[in-house]
Amino acid sequence: MTSYNIALNFEDGVTRFIQCKDGEKVLDAAFRSKINLPMDCSDGVCGTCKCRAESGSYELGDDYIDDALTSDEAESGLVLTCQMKPSSDCVIAVPTTSVACKTGQLKFAATVARVTSHNDAAIVLELEVDAEAPAFLPGQYANINVPGSGQHRSYSFSTAPGEQRISFLIKKIPGGVMSGWLERAEVDETLELTGPLGSFYLRDVNRPLLFLAGGTGLAPFLSMLEVLTRENSQQPVHLIYGVTRNLDLVLVDEIEAYTARLANFSYSTVVAEETSQHPRKGWVTQHMPAEALNGGDVDVYLCGPPPMVDAVRRYFDETGVKPNSFYYEKFTPNAVLEVAA
């Protein structure tokens, strides 16, 4: 029987995936998975189960009243989960917390497969998932428990969803809890992860994309690029990868490989350090080509440290650039701070 993957994104950043059978309503599929989505009547009358479908195809039928969901709301992507029957994989934003729906974060185990150091800038941690490959949306992150510390750290997946081997790009922090553990980590050592988490992820691609990565904020874009490649996306994609020093430019060979694998993909690198001999120095806002902005008909994704995010937002405000959509995620070495659209 045909079934579809439905990602339920809750307000607290938790994402849960459910399987919805062909012809089955999302509300029923969620209950079958023991997730209590908001509801009251379940007959398309009260509107309590109203959510937003952010991607995917579906039918709503006509068994609901206008007071529950107006035609304008339906056209804008709002749905009643008690009436929604998916005909493809979908992403649904649920306007409440996972706790309120009597669900929560998923935990899974993985073992260390490889630890690769890149200068003094970053480490790539590759893990083999012990059970079923984790489902997530490209751009999301997981919390990784650091063995023996009682603490966890948040890192974006840099691989595509559904892979048994997952990887993370981790900034080296002198004296850092994760950095210190990675120096002595051994192959086959077990880690516990929680996820997926976060509302920074790739939406439906209907126009050109501009990716802005700062340092290890490159990680979610590697996941997105792999998904776009596998989907044979034809939309133009331009990535600007900004770092502080030359040594901070890591995994450029992986980015370069997408110029051959992904149609209409291009990228540039920018180094901020004044003494650098890099051909493009300064900030990403100084090397943002007009064609990549496409007169505002572009979806912009930005992942980087807070100063970079703030600088790009100011640049758009001061220049009057108004992208069709602007999604960004701020992070510090230890935590994700903010996600916005």
Protein backbone atom coordinates (compact mmCIF):
# COMPACT_ATOMS: atom_id res chain seq x y z
CA MET A 1 0.00 0.00 0.00
CA THR A 2 1.24 3.48 -0.85
CA SER A 3 2.20 5.63 2.11
CA TYR A 4 3.76 9.04 2.52
CA ASN A 5 6.30 10.53 4.94
CA ILE A 6 4.72 13.40 6.83
CA ALA A 7 7.02 15.67 8.85
CA LEU A 8 5.25 17.34 11.77
CA ASN A 9 7.17 20.43 12.89
CA PHE A 10 6.21 21.67 16.33
CA GLU A 11 6.71 25.15 17.76
CA ASP A 12 9.41 23.96 20.18
CA GLY A 13 11.64 22.86 17.29
CA VAL A 14 10.87 19.14 17.55
CA THR A 15 10.13 17.26 14.33
CA ARG A 16 8.31 13.92 14.26
CA PHE A 17 7.79 11.84 11.14
CA ILE A 18 4.68 9.74 10.62
CA GLN A 19 3.51 7.44 7.84
CA CYS A 20 0.21 8.40 6.23
CA LYS A 21 -1.49 5.76 4.11
CA ASP A 22 -2.94 6.63 0.73
CA GLY A 23 -6.40 8.08 1.37
CA GLU A 24 -5.79 8.43 5.11
CA LYS A 25 -6.28 11.72 6.91
CA VAL A 26 -3.26 13.23 8.65
CA LEU A 27 -5.06 13.49 11.98
CA ASP A 28 -5.83 9.76 11.92
CA ALA A 29 -2.27 8.87 10.92
CA ALA A 30 -0.90 10.98 13.78
CA PHE A 31 -3.19 9.32 16.31
CA ARG A 32 -2.10 5.93 14.98
CA SER A 33 1.47 7.04 15.78
CA LYS A 34 0.35 8.13 19.28
CA ILE A 35 0.73 11.84 18.50
CA ASN A 36 -2.27 13.85 19.66
CA LEU A 37 -2.51 16.72 17.22
CA PRO A 38 -4.87 19.52 18.29
CA MET A 39 -8.50 18.60 17.57
CA ASP A 40 -12.00 18.89 18.91
CA CYS A 41 -14.72 17.85 16.47
CA SER A 42 -12.62 15.96 13.85
CA ASP A 43 -15.42 16.72 11.35
CA GLY A 44 -14.19 19.93 9.71
CA VAL A 45 -16.43 22.14 11.82
CA CYS A 46 -14.40 23.68 14.68
CA GLY A 47 -11.05 24.56 13.05
CA THR A 48 -9.09 23.42 16.13
CA CYS A 49 -6.84 21.16 14.03
CA LYS A 50 -5.75 23.96 11.69
CA CYS A 51 -2.07 23.74 10.70
CA ARG A 52 0.08 24.98 7.81
CA ALA A 53 1.23 22.70 4.99
CA GLU A 54 4.68 23.98 4.05
CA SER A 55 5.30 21.51 1.25
CA GLY A 56 3.73 18.60 -0.54
CA SER A 57 0.51 17.74 -2.36
CA TYR A 58 -2.78 16.90 -0.69
CA GLU A 59 -6.55 17.05 -0.94
CA LEU A 60 -8.92 18.71 1.52
CA GLY A 61 -12.21 17.68 -0.06
CA ASP A 62 -15.34 19.67 0.75
CA ASP A 63 -16.45 18.10 4.03
CA TYR A 64 -15.66 21.16 6.13
CA ILE A 65 -17.36 24.49 6.69
CA ASP A 66 -16.04 27.94 5.83
CA ASP A 67 -15.95 28.98 9.49
CA ALA A 68 -13.37 26.24 10.10
CA LEU A 69 -11.21 27.03 7.07
CA THR A 70 -11.91 29.86 4.63
CA SER A 71 -11.01 29.63 0.95
CA ASP A 72 -8.37 32.34 1.48
CA GLU A 73 -6.78 30.33 4.28
CA ALA A 74 -6.77 27.18 2.17
CA GLU A 75 -5.13 29.03 -0.73
CA SER A 76 -2.41 30.31 1.64
CA GLY A 77 -1.52 26.75 2.71
CA LEU A 78 -3.56 26.36 5.88
CA VAL A 79 -5.14 22.94 6.29
CA LEU A 80 -7.42 21.03 8.59
CA THR A 81 -5.55 17.85 9.52
CA CYS A 82 -8.89 16.12 10.11
CA GLN A 83 -9.60 16.59 6.38
CA MET A 84 -6.13 16.60 4.80
CA LYS A 85 -5.30 13.54 2.67
CA PRO A 86 -1.70 13.66 1.38
CA SER A 87 -0.81 12.54 -2.14
CA SER A 88 2.96 13.04 -1.59
CA ASP A 89 5.43 13.50 1.23
CA CYS A 90 4.50 16.65 3.18
CA VAL A 91 5.85 19.02 5.80
CA ILE A 92 3.29 20.42 8.24
CA ALA A 93 3.87 23.21 10.76
CA VAL A 94 1.89 22.50 13.94
CA PRO A 95 1.08 25.66 15.95
CA THR A 96 1.76 24.14 19.36
CA THR A 97 4.50 22.29 21.20
CA SER A 98 5.38 18.63 20.95
CA VAL A 99 4.70 18.26 24.68
CA ALA A 100 1.14 19.55 24.22
CA CYS A 101 0.66 16.81 21.61
CA LYS A 102 1.94 14.18 24.06
CA THR A 103 5.05 13.44 22.07
CA GLY A 104 8.66 14.55 22.28
CA GLN A 105 12.15 14.31 20.94
CA LEU A 106 13.40 11.06 19.45
CA LYS A 107 16.64 9.52 20.67
CA PHE A 108 18.85 7.21 18.66
CA ALA A 109 22.28 5.63 19.00
CA ALA A 110 25.22 5.70 16.60
CA THR A 111 28.84 4.58 16.67
CA VAL A 112 31.92 6.51 15.64
CA ALA A 113 33.06 5.54 12.14
CA ARG A 114 35.67 8.22 11.44
CA VAL A 115 36.99 11.47 12.87
CA THR A 116 38.76 13.74 10.38
CA SER A 117 40.58 16.90 11.42
CA HIS A 118 40.74 19.91 9.06
CA ASN A 119 43.63 22.12 10.15
CA ASP A 120 42.84 23.78 13.46
CA ALA A 121 39.46 24.90 12.15
CA ALA A 122 37.04 22.00 12.12
CA ILE A 123 36.44 18.29 12.54
CA VAL A 124 34.20 16.03 10.49
CA LEU A 125 32.54 13.42 12.68
CA GLU A 126 31.10 10.43 10.80
CA LEU A 127 28.75 8.07 12.59
CA GLU A 128 27.09 4.78 11.71
CA VAL A 129 23.52 4.69 12.93
CA ASP A 130 22.88 1.51 14.92
CA ALA A 131 19.27 0.98 13.85
CA GLU A 132 17.03 2.62 11.25
CA ALA A 133 18.51 5.59 9.42
CA PRO A 134 17.20 8.82 10.96
CA ALA A 135 14.58 10.83 9.08
CA PHE A 136 15.11 14.58 9.05
CA LEU A 137 14.67 17.58 6.80
CA PRO A 138 17.82 18.87 5.04
CA GLY A 139 19.12 21.70 7.22
CA GLN A 140 17.97 20.34 10.58
CA TYR A 141 20.24 19.47 13.48
CA ALA A 142 20.66 16.95 16.28
CA ASN A 143 21.86 17.17 19.85
CA ILE A 144 24.83 14.89 20.51
CA ASN A 145 25.55 13.79 24.07
CA VAL A 146 29.25 14.20 24.84
CA PRO A 147 30.39 11.02 26.65
CA GLY A 148 31.38 11.50 30.27
CA SER A 149 30.40 15.17 30.40
CA GLY A 150 26.69 15.15 31.13
CA GLN A 151 26.37 17.77 28.38
CA HIS A 152 25.25 17.84 24.78
CA ARG A 153 26.12 19.95 21.76
CA SER A 154 23.98 20.85 18.73
CA TYR A 155 25.20 20.22 15.18
CA SER A 156 23.53 20.28 11.77
CA PHE A 157 23.48 17.12 9.68
CA SER A 158 25.83 17.57 6.72
CA THR A 159 24.58 14.43 4.96
CA ALA A 160 21.28 13.81 3.21
CA PRO A 161 18.33 12.29 5.09
CA GLY A 162 17.92 8.52 5.10
CA GLU A 163 21.61 7.62 5.19
CA GLN A 164 22.93 4.96 7.55
CA ARG A 165 26.19 6.92 7.82
CA ILE A 166 25.64 10.49 8.98
CA SER A 167 28.17 13.26 9.43
CA PHE A 168 28.60 16.56 11.21
CA LEU A 169 30.97 19.48 10.62
CA ILE A 170 32.19 20.63 14.04
CA LYS A 171 34.16 23.77 14.82
CA LYS A 172 37.33 23.18 16.86
CA ILE A 173 37.11 25.07 20.15
CA PRO A 174 40.24 25.09 22.36
CA GLY A 175 39.15 23.60 25.66
CA GLY A 176 35.71 22.82 24.25
CA VAL A 177 33.79 19.87 25.64
CA MET A 178 33.12 18.25 22.27
CA SER A 179 36.47 19.25 20.76
CA GLY A 180 38.28 17.73 23.73
CA TRP A 181 36.36 14.48 23.50
CA LEU A 182 36.93 14.21 19.74
CA GLU A 183 40.69 14.29 20.33
CA ARG A 184 40.43 10.96 22.14
CA ALA A 185 37.35 9.46 20.45
CA GLU A 186 37.74 5.90 19.21
CA VAL A 187 36.12 4.08 16.30
CA ASP A 188 33.05 2.06 17.37
CA GLU A 189 32.49 4.21 20.45
CA THR A 190 28.75 4.71 21.01
CA LEU A 191 27.02 8.07 21.10
CA GLU A 192 23.43 9.02 21.92
CA LEU A 193 21.73 11.63 19.74
CA THR A 194 18.42 13.46 19.96
CA GLY A 195 16.66 14.78 16.89
CA PRO A 196 15.79 15.92 14.37
CA LEU A 197 15.33 19.47 15.61
CA GLY A 198 14.98 22.93 14.15
CA SER A 199 12.85 24.88 11.69
CA PHE A 200 15.77 25.80 9.42
CA TYR A 201 15.37 23.42 6.51
CA LEU A 202 14.96 23.40 2.76
CA ARG A 203 11.45 24.27 1.60
CA ASP A 204 9.87 23.53 -1.78
CA VAL A 205 12.14 24.89 -4.50
CA ASN A 206 10.17 27.06 -6.91
CA ARG A 207 12.69 29.83 -7.66
CA PRO A 208 16.45 30.51 -7.53
CA LEU A 209 18.25 29.86 -4.24
CA LEU A 210 20.97 31.87 -2.51
CA PHE A 211 22.84 30.02 0.25
CA LEU A 212 24.98 32.05 2.68
CA ALA A 213 27.25 29.96 4.92
CA GLY A 214 29.51 31.22 7.69
CA GLY A 215 32.26 28.88 8.92
CA THR A 216 30.88 25.52 10.01
CA GLY A 217 27.45 26.90 9.10
CA LEU A 218 28.34 25.23 5.81
CA ALA A 219 27.07 21.89 7.20
CA PRO A 220 23.31 22.24 6.56
CA PHE A 221 23.96 23.43 3.01
CA LEU A 222 25.90 20.27 2.20
CA SER A 223 22.80 18.32 3.17
CA MET A 224 20.59 20.60 1.08
CA LEU A 225 22.88 20.40 -1.96
CA GLU A 226 22.87 16.61 -1.85
CA VAL A 227 19.07 16.54 -1.72
CA LEU A 228 18.80 19.03 -4.61
CA THR A 229 21.21 16.89 -6.63
CA ARG A 230 19.24 13.71 -6.04
CA GLU A 231 16.02 15.50 -6.98
CA ASN A 232 17.66 16.79 -10.18
CA SER A 233 16.67 20.35 -9.34
CA GLN A 234 17.03 22.76 -12.25
CA GLN A 235 16.71 26.02 -10.31
CA PRO A 236 19.84 28.20 -10.08
CA VAL A 237 21.67 27.79 -6.76
CA HIS A 238 24.51 30.08 -5.64
CA LEU A 239 26.44 29.44 -2.42
CA ILE A 240 28.63 32.07 -0.76
CA TYR A 241 30.91 30.55 1.86
CA GLY A 242 32.46 33.11 4.20
CA VAL A 243 35.18 32.46 6.79
CA THR A 244 37.61 34.41 8.95
CA ARG A 245 40.93 32.87 7.80
CA ASN A 246 42.17 30.86 4.85
CA LEU A 247 42.55 27.82 7.12
CA ASP A 248 38.85 28.00 7.91
CA LEU A 249 37.94 27.11 4.32
CA VAL A 250 37.18 23.40 4.67
CA LEU A 251 35.42 20.87 2.45
CA VAL A 252 35.77 23.14 -0.58
CA ASP A 253 36.42 20.03 -2.68
CA GLU A 254 32.98 18.72 -1.73
CA ILE A 255 31.40 22.02 -2.76
CA GLU A 256 33.34 22.01 -6.03
CA ALA A 257 32.03 18.51 -6.82
CA TYR A 258 28.47 19.84 -6.93
CA THR A 259 29.35 22.11 -9.85
CA ALA A 260 29.48 18.93 -11.94
CA ARG A 261 26.67 17.05 -10.21
CA LEU A 262 24.03 19.78 -9.74
CA ALA A 263 22.70 21.74 -12.70
CA ASN A 264 22.97 25.54 -12.44
CA PHE A 265 25.05 25.45 -9.25
CA SER A 266 27.81 27.97 -8.58
CA TYR A 267 29.69 29.11 -5.51
CA SER A 268 32.25 31.57 -4.22
CA THR A 269 34.41 31.77 -1.10
CA VAL A 270 35.17 34.88 0.94
CA VAL A 271 37.84 35.42 3.60
CA ALA A 272 37.51 38.25 6.11
CA GLU A 273 41.12 38.48 7.31
CA GLU A 274 42.77 41.59 5.83
CA THR A 275 46.19 39.94 5.48
CA SER A 276 44.75 37.09 3.39
CA GLN A 277 45.77 36.77 -0.25
CA HIS A 278 42.38 35.31 -1.10
CA PRO A 279 40.88 36.88 -4.25
CA ARG A 280 37.68 37.83 -2.39
CA LYS A 281 38.25 39.49 0.97
CA GLY A 282 35.78 41.02 3.39
CA TRP A 283 32.25 39.96 4.14
CA VAL A 284 29.70 37.95 2.19
CA THR A 285 27.58 41.08 1.72
CA GLN A 286 30.45 42.62 -0.29
CA HIS A 287 30.47 39.71 -2.73
CA MET A 288 26.78 39.14 -3.34
CA PRO A 289 26.21 39.21 -7.11
CA ALA A 290 23.08 40.95 -8.36
CA GLU A 291 22.19 37.97 -10.54
CA ALA A 292 22.10 35.73 -7.46
CA LEU A 293 19.52 38.05 -5.88
CA ASN A 294 17.40 37.83 -9.06
CA GLY A 295 15.62 41.12 -8.39
CA GLY A 296 14.25 39.74 -5.11
CA ASP A 297 12.66 36.67 -6.72
CA VAL A 298 14.92 34.40 -4.71
CA ASP A 299 14.77 32.27 -1.57
CA VAL A 300 17.68 33.08 0.75
CA TYR A 301 19.02 30.65 3.35
CA LEU A 302 21.62 31.85 5.85
CA CYS A 303 23.45 29.88 8.53
CA GLY A 304 26.27 31.46 10.50
CA PRO A 305 27.33 33.16 13.73
CA PRO A 306 25.14 35.99 15.06
CA PRO A 307 27.30 38.88 13.73
CA MET A 308 27.08 37.48 10.21
CA VAL A 309 23.32 36.98 10.40
CA ASP A 310 22.83 40.51 11.73
CA ALA A 311 25.08 41.96 9.01
CA VAL A 312 23.13 40.27 6.22
CA ARG A 313 19.82 41.41 7.66
CA ARG A 314 21.11 45.00 7.85
CA TYR A 315 22.39 44.73 4.28
CA PHE A 316 18.97 43.71 3.00
CA ASP A 317 17.30 46.51 4.97
CA GLU A 318 19.76 49.20 3.88
CA THR A 319 19.79 48.21 0.21
CA GLY A 320 16.06 47.61 0.00
CA VAL A 321 16.54 43.99 -1.07
CA LYS A 322 13.42 42.00 -0.23
CA PRO A 323 13.88 38.29 -1.01
CA ASN A 324 10.76 36.26 -1.64
CA SER A 325 11.72 34.22 1.44
CA PHE A 326 14.55 34.62 3.95
CA TYR A 327 15.34 31.77 6.33
CA TYR A 328 18.21 32.05 8.78
CA GLU A 329 19.77 30.27 11.71
CA LYS A 330 22.12 31.86 14.21
CA PHE A 331 24.52 29.69 16.12
CA THR A 332 27.32 29.87 18.64
CA PRO A 333 29.90 27.08 19.01
CA ASN A 334 27.74 25.50 21.70
CA ALA A 335 24.13 26.06 20.68
CA VAL A 336 21.61 27.08 18.09
CA LEU A 337 20.30 30.49 19.10
CA GLU A 338 17.54 31.46 16.74
CA VAL A 339 15.75 30.34 13.63
CA ALA A 340 13.53 32.64 11.63
CA ALA A 341 11.76 32.90 8.32
